[in-house]
Amino acid sequence: MSAIGTGGLSGSDGFYMDRGFIPYAYSDSIYVVIGEKYGFLGSSVLLLLYFMLIYRIFLIANTSMNLAGGYLVIGLVGMIVFQVFVNIGMHIGLVPLTGLSLPFISYGGSSMLTNMLTIGLVMSVHIHKDTVPLQMSG
């Protein structure tokens, strides 16, 4: 929390990061690095980008004619929201520390692959939003 606080409004030189006080600065604690280096403005831009992504995904779920596709997209956006909330919350002291990564920002192959597959599924639902599922005749 001290490292995020030293970032101030527009960031600082990275005192805590340079001296090794931030564990796993390249992966799980990347939000602390962003908060220290870019300050409140950088953290706000990151949260704004996440909000825009989540809003766009909700619009895709809302416009889908296929009910199963809409439910799939809502579940996937819930996964992203949970990861963002827990990762940022654990670094500002709201939730206990875990090993959950920050989507699309943290270093890690399996996490990035999962997030890319998530966006791929959302895009697939968006592409097929006008197709109505097959109706059973009879």
C-alpha atoms as a PDB file:
ATOM      1  CA  MET A   1       0.000   0.000   0.000  1.00  0.00           C
ATOM      2  CA  SER A   2       2.915   2.318   0.673  1.00  0.00           C
ATOM      3  CA  ALA A   3       4.269   1.834  -2.840  1.00  0.00           C
ATOM      4  CA  ILE A   4       0.931   2.776  -4.405  1.00  0.00           C
ATOM      5  CA  GLY A   5       0.689   5.795  -2.104  1.00  0.00           C
ATOM      6  CA  THR A   6       4.143   7.103  -3.016  1.00  0.00           C
ATOM      7  CA  GLY A   7       3.035   7.327  -6.654  1.00  0.00           C
ATOM      8  CA  GLY A   8       1.023  10.433  -5.849  1.00  0.00           C
ATOM      9  CA  LEU A   9      -0.936  12.023  -8.655  1.00  0.00           C
ATOM     10  CA  SER A  10       1.425  11.508 -11.581  1.00  0.00           C
ATOM     11  CA  GLY A  11       3.920   8.897 -10.387  1.00  0.00           C
ATOM     12  CA  SER A  12       7.353   8.690  -8.830  1.00  0.00           C
ATOM     13  CA  ASP A  13      10.774   7.208  -9.554  1.00  0.00           C
ATOM     14  CA  GLY A  14       9.959   3.716  -8.246  1.00  0.00           C
ATOM     15  CA  PHE A  15      11.645   3.692  -4.834  1.00  0.00           C
ATOM     16  CA  TYR A  16       9.969   0.508  -3.592  1.00  0.00           C
ATOM     17  CA  MET A  17      10.314  -1.330  -6.882  1.00  0.00           C
ATOM     18  CA  ASP A  18      14.020  -0.542  -7.325  1.00  0.00           C
ATOM     19  CA  ARG A  19      14.897  -1.754  -3.832  1.00  0.00           C
ATOM     20  CA  GLY A  20      13.027  -5.061  -4.139  1.00  0.00           C
ATOM     21  CA  PHE A  21      10.213  -4.380  -1.676  1.00  0.00           C
ATOM     22  CA  ILE A  22       7.561  -5.475  -4.186  1.00  0.00           C
ATOM     23  CA  PRO A  23       7.476  -9.265  -4.584  1.00  0.00           C
ATOM     24  CA  TYR A  24       6.819 -10.555  -8.107  1.00  0.00           C
ATOM     25  CA  ALA A  25       6.667  -7.058  -9.568  1.00  0.00           C
ATOM     26  CA  TYR A  26       6.496  -8.455 -13.099  1.00  0.00           C
ATOM     27  CA  SER A  27       3.475 -10.687 -12.529  1.00  0.00           C
ATOM     28  CA  ASP A  28       1.054 -10.628  -9.584  1.00  0.00           C
ATOM     29  CA  SER A  29       2.084  -7.223  -8.208  1.00  0.00           C
ATOM     30  CA  ILE A  30       2.049  -5.350 -11.499  1.00  0.00           C
ATOM     31  CA  TYR A  31      -0.717  -3.022 -10.282  1.00  0.00           C
ATOM     32  CA  VAL A  32       1.604  -1.817  -7.519  1.00  0.00           C
ATOM     33  CA  VAL A  33       4.252  -1.007 -10.127  1.00  0.00           C
ATOM     34  CA  ILE A  34       1.708   0.907 -12.232  1.00  0.00           C
ATOM     35  CA  GLY A  35       0.490   2.779  -9.152  1.00  0.00           C
ATOM     36  CA  GLU A  36       4.023   3.706  -8.115  1.00  0.00           C
ATOM     37  CA  LYS A  37       5.434   4.620 -11.522  1.00  0.00           C
ATOM     38  CA  TYR A  38       2.373   6.326 -13.046  1.00  0.00           C
ATOM     39  CA  GLY A  39       0.484   7.394  -9.934  1.00  0.00           C
ATOM     40  CA  PHE A  40      -3.216   7.991  -9.584  1.00  0.00           C
ATOM     41  CA  LEU A  41      -3.581   9.057 -13.204  1.00  0.00           C
ATOM     42  CA  GLY A  42      -2.016   5.871 -14.563  1.00  0.00           C
ATOM     43  CA  SER A  43      -4.084   3.686 -12.246  1.00  0.00           C
ATOM     44  CA  SER A  44      -7.222   5.570 -13.255  1.00  0.00           C
ATOM     45  CA  VAL A  45      -6.477   5.091 -16.945  1.00  0.00           C
ATOM     46  CA  LEU A  46      -6.009   1.365 -16.359  1.00  0.00           C
ATOM     47  CA  LEU A  47      -9.330   1.133 -14.497  1.00  0.00           C
ATOM     48  CA  LEU A  48     -11.028   3.171 -17.237  1.00  0.00           C
ATOM     49  CA  LEU A  49      -9.733   0.755 -19.878  1.00  0.00           C
ATOM     50  CA  TYR A  50     -11.059  -2.197 -17.879  1.00  0.00           C
ATOM     51  CA  PHE A  51     -14.402  -0.448 -17.486  1.00  0.00           C
ATOM     52  CA  MET A  52     -14.609   0.155 -21.244  1.00  0.00           C
ATOM     53  CA  LEU A  53     -13.771  -3.502 -21.960  1.00  0.00           C
ATOM     54  CA  ILE A  54     -16.375  -4.747 -19.488  1.00  0.00           C
ATOM     55  CA  TYR A  55     -18.995  -2.329 -20.837  1.00  0.00           C
ATOM     56  CA  ARG A  56     -18.363  -3.496 -24.422  1.00  0.00           C
ATOM     57  CA  ILE A  57     -18.653  -7.131 -23.381  1.00  0.00           C
ATOM     58  CA  PHE A  58     -21.953  -6.396 -21.622  1.00  0.00           C
ATOM     59  CA  LEU A  59     -23.242  -4.775 -24.813  1.00  0.00           C
ATOM     60  CA  ILE A  60     -22.301  -7.899 -26.751  1.00  0.00           C
ATOM     61  CA  ALA A  61     -24.184 -10.060 -24.253  1.00  0.00           C
ATOM     62  CA  ASN A  62     -27.202  -7.762 -24.407  1.00  0.00           C
ATOM     63  CA  THR A  63     -27.462  -7.775 -28.212  1.00  0.00           C
ATOM     64  CA  SER A  64     -27.033 -11.515 -28.637  1.00  0.00           C
ATOM     65  CA  MET A  65     -30.155 -13.278 -29.959  1.00  0.00           C
ATOM     66  CA  ASN A  66     -28.818 -16.609 -28.736  1.00  0.00           C
ATOM     67  CA  LEU A  67     -29.610 -17.007 -25.046  1.00  0.00           C
ATOM     68  CA  ALA A  68     -26.784 -19.502 -24.474  1.00  0.00           C
ATOM     69  CA  GLY A  69     -24.284 -17.097 -26.056  1.00  0.00           C
ATOM     70  CA  GLY A  70     -25.491 -14.289 -23.813  1.00  0.00           C
ATOM     71  CA  TYR A  71     -25.116 -16.454 -20.730  1.00  0.00           C
ATOM     72  CA  LEU A  72     -21.651 -17.515 -21.839  1.00  0.00           C
ATOM     73  CA  VAL A  73     -20.554 -13.902 -22.282  1.00  0.00           C
ATOM     74  CA  ILE A  74     -21.973 -12.877 -18.888  1.00  0.00           C
ATOM     75  CA  GLY A  75     -20.020 -15.706 -17.249  1.00  0.00           C
ATOM     76  CA  LEU A  76     -16.829 -14.691 -19.023  1.00  0.00           C
ATOM     77  CA  VAL A  77     -17.200 -11.035 -18.063  1.00  0.00           C
ATOM     78  CA  GLY A  78     -17.800 -12.173 -14.489  1.00  0.00           C
ATOM     79  CA  MET A  79     -14.472 -13.983 -14.623  1.00  0.00           C
ATOM     80  CA  ILE A  80     -12.672 -10.838 -15.797  1.00  0.00           C
ATOM     81  CA  VAL A  81     -14.396  -8.611 -13.227  1.00  0.00           C
ATOM     82  CA  PHE A  82     -13.530 -11.055 -10.437  1.00  0.00           C
ATOM     83  CA  GLN A  83      -9.854 -11.182 -11.462  1.00  0.00           C
ATOM     84  CA  VAL A  84      -9.576  -7.387 -11.691  1.00  0.00           C
ATOM     85  CA  PHE A  85     -11.357  -6.835  -8.362  1.00  0.00           C
ATOM     86  CA  VAL A  86      -9.327  -9.419  -6.469  1.00  0.00           C
ATOM     87  CA  ASN A  87      -5.964  -8.395  -7.934  1.00  0.00           C
ATOM     88  CA  ILE A  88      -6.426  -4.682  -7.302  1.00  0.00           C
ATOM     89  CA  GLY A  89      -8.193  -5.320  -3.994  1.00  0.00           C
ATOM     90  CA  MET A  90      -5.357  -7.426  -2.630  1.00  0.00           C
ATOM     91  CA  HIS A  91      -2.821  -4.686  -3.349  1.00  0.00           C
ATOM     92  CA  ILE A  92      -4.823  -1.913  -1.738  1.00  0.00           C
ATOM     93  CA  GLY A  93      -5.689  -4.040   1.303  1.00  0.00           C
ATOM     94  CA  LEU A  94      -9.317  -5.022   0.649  1.00  0.00           C
ATOM     95  CA  VAL A  95      -8.811  -8.764   0.224  1.00  0.00           C
ATOM     96  CA  PRO A  96      -6.051 -11.161   1.326  1.00  0.00           C
ATOM     97  CA  LEU A  97      -3.067 -11.758  -0.928  1.00  0.00           C
ATOM     98  CA  THR A  98      -3.547 -14.508  -3.503  1.00  0.00           C
ATOM     99  CA  GLY A  99      -1.783 -15.487  -6.704  1.00  0.00           C
ATOM    100  CA  LEU A 100      -4.452 -14.132  -9.036  1.00  0.00           C
ATOM    101  CA  SER A 101      -3.076 -12.199 -11.992  1.00  0.00           C
ATOM    102  CA  LEU A 102      -4.318  -8.942 -13.506  1.00  0.00           C
ATOM    103  CA  PRO A 103      -5.948  -9.772 -16.862  1.00  0.00           C
ATOM    104  CA  PHE A 104      -3.937  -8.773 -19.958  1.00  0.00           C
ATOM    105  CA  ILE A 105      -1.297  -6.967 -17.846  1.00  0.00           C
ATOM    106  CA  SER A 106       0.400  -9.558 -15.646  1.00  0.00           C
ATOM    107  CA  TYR A 107       3.156 -11.786 -16.948  1.00  0.00           C
ATOM    108  CA  GLY A 108       2.173 -15.420 -17.273  1.00  0.00           C
ATOM    109  CA  GLY A 109       1.489 -17.765 -20.130  1.00  0.00           C
ATOM    110  CA  SER A 110      -1.536 -19.683 -18.873  1.00  0.00           C
ATOM    111  CA  SER A 111      -3.274 -16.558 -17.590  1.00  0.00           C
ATOM    112  CA  MET A 112      -2.742 -14.702 -20.853  1.00  0.00           C
ATOM    113  CA  LEU A 113      -3.880 -17.720 -22.872  1.00  0.00           C
ATOM    114  CA  THR A 114      -7.048 -18.015 -20.790  1.00  0.00           C
ATOM    115  CA  ASN A 115      -7.831 -14.319 -21.157  1.00  0.00           C
ATOM    116  CA  MET A 116      -7.243 -14.412 -24.908  1.00  0.00           C
ATOM    117  CA  LEU A 117      -9.528 -17.453 -25.223  1.00  0.00           C
ATOM    118  CA  THR A 118     -12.128 -15.549 -23.208  1.00  0.00           C
ATOM    119  CA  ILE A 119     -12.047 -12.604 -25.605  1.00  0.00           C
ATOM    120  CA  GLY A 120     -12.123 -15.021 -28.545  1.00  0.00           C
ATOM    121  CA  LEU A 121     -15.309 -16.617 -27.223  1.00  0.00           C
ATOM    122  CA  VAL A 122     -16.864 -13.182 -26.678  1.00  0.00           C
ATOM    123  CA  MET A 123     -15.964 -12.177 -30.236  1.00  0.00           C
ATOM    124  CA  SER A 124     -17.452 -15.417 -31.565  1.00  0.00           C
ATOM    125  CA  VAL A 125     -20.733 -14.686 -29.788  1.00  0.00           C
ATOM    126  CA  HIS A 126     -20.630 -11.168 -31.248  1.00  0.00           C
ATOM    127  CA  ILE A 127     -20.062 -12.475 -34.772  1.00  0.00           C
ATOM    128  CA  HIS A 128     -22.948 -14.946 -34.462  1.00  0.00           C
ATOM    129  CA  LYS A 129     -25.260 -12.605 -32.514  1.00  0.00           C
ATOM    130  CA  ASP A 130     -27.991 -12.615 -35.180  1.00  0.00           C
ATOM    131  CA  THR A 131     -28.226 -16.381 -35.556  1.00  0.00           C
ATOM    132  CA  VAL A 132     -31.145 -17.914 -33.760  1.00  0.00           C
ATOM    133  CA  PRO A 133     -30.548 -21.389 -32.362  1.00  0.00           C
ATOM    134  CA  LEU A 134     -32.122 -24.326 -34.151  1.00  0.00           C
ATOM    135  CA  GLN A 135     -35.716 -24.935 -33.194  1.00  0.00           C
ATOM    136  CA  MET A 136     -36.960 -28.467 -32.755  1.00  0.00           C
ATOM    137  CA  SER A 137     -39.913 -29.141 -34.988  1.00  0.00           C
ATOM    138  CA  GLY A 138     -42.784 -31.218 -33.798  1.00  0.00           C
END
